[in-house]
Amino acid sequence: MQLKEIVTPNPHGIQVDDSSRHAAEQMRRHGFGAVLVYDQELLVGMVTDRDLATGCMAAGHDAGGCMVRQ
């Protein structure tokens, strides 16, 4: 098996200034557990569903109140 056979060819990404709610909506819409994070066109990281659950919601923040940058 080659890597190109198992990776997502056109991964979906969001911007650092998007809300955590937007990130979660994109994950649900596309069936992903993580999305790439861009600052303009520069890839700066990724956010996972676990990041949203533990870093935002478990910390007591509203799902729409956290920014991906945080």
Protein backbone atom coordinates (compact mmCIF):
# COMPACT_ATOMS: atom_id res chain seq x y z
CA MET A 1 0.00 0.00 0.00
CA GLN A 2 1.21 3.50 -0.81
CA LEU A 3 0.58 6.61 1.26
CA LYS A 4 -1.34 8.26 -1.58
CA GLU A 5 -3.91 5.46 -1.30
CA ILE A 6 -4.88 6.31 2.29
CA VAL A 7 -4.47 10.08 2.71
CA THR A 8 -7.17 12.63 1.98
CA PRO A 9 -6.21 14.20 -1.35
CA ASN A 10 -7.75 17.64 -0.70
CA PRO A 11 -7.93 18.13 3.08
CA HIS A 12 -10.28 20.80 4.34
CA GLY A 13 -8.87 23.72 6.32
CA ILE A 14 -10.04 26.67 8.37
CA GLN A 15 -8.48 29.98 9.38
CA VAL A 16 -6.89 30.78 12.76
CA ASP A 17 -9.53 33.43 13.43
CA ASP A 18 -12.48 31.06 12.89
CA SER A 19 -14.56 30.05 15.91
CA SER A 20 -14.38 26.64 17.50
CA ARG A 21 -18.03 26.20 16.51
CA HIS A 22 -17.06 26.67 12.85
CA ALA A 23 -14.28 24.10 13.28
CA ALA A 24 -16.73 21.59 14.77
CA GLU A 25 -19.27 22.25 12.00
CA GLN A 26 -16.62 21.60 9.36
CA MET A 27 -15.56 18.37 11.05
CA ARG A 28 -19.16 17.18 11.16
CA ARG A 29 -19.92 18.23 7.59
CA HIS A 30 -16.87 16.47 6.16
CA GLY A 31 -16.72 13.52 8.57
CA PHE A 32 -13.25 14.43 9.86
CA GLY A 33 -11.87 14.30 13.39
CA ALA A 34 -9.45 17.13 12.67
CA VAL A 35 -9.03 20.08 10.32
CA LEU A 36 -5.95 21.92 9.16
CA VAL A 37 -5.49 25.48 10.41
CA TYR A 38 -4.19 28.22 8.14
CA ASP A 39 -3.06 31.78 8.73
CA GLN A 40 -3.97 33.19 5.33
CA GLU A 41 -2.35 30.59 3.04
CA LEU A 42 0.30 29.39 5.50
CA LEU A 43 -0.40 26.08 7.25
CA VAL A 44 0.16 26.69 10.96
CA GLY A 45 -1.31 23.57 12.58
CA MET A 46 -4.42 21.53 13.08
CA VAL A 47 -7.28 21.33 15.54
CA THR A 48 -8.93 18.07 16.57
CA ASP A 49 -12.31 17.21 18.01
CA ARG A 50 -10.48 16.40 21.26
CA ASP A 51 -8.92 19.89 21.27
CA LEU A 52 -12.41 21.37 21.07
CA ALA A 53 -13.78 19.14 23.82
CA THR A 54 -10.92 19.51 26.30
CA GLY A 55 -9.49 22.90 25.39
CA CYS A 56 -12.69 24.83 24.97
CA MET A 57 -15.82 23.16 26.28
CA ALA A 58 -14.29 21.39 29.32
CA ALA A 59 -12.65 24.68 30.27
CA GLY A 60 -16.14 26.16 30.59
CA HIS A 61 -16.18 28.24 27.42
CA ASP A 62 -19.11 28.49 25.05
CA ALA A 63 -18.47 26.44 21.90
CA GLY A 64 -18.84 29.52 19.74
CA GLY A 65 -16.82 31.73 22.05
CA CYS A 66 -13.42 30.13 21.58
CA MET A 67 -11.29 31.01 18.61
CA VAL A 68 -9.24 28.37 16.84
CA ARG A 69 -6.16 30.51 17.53
CA GLN A 70 -6.65 29.86 21.28
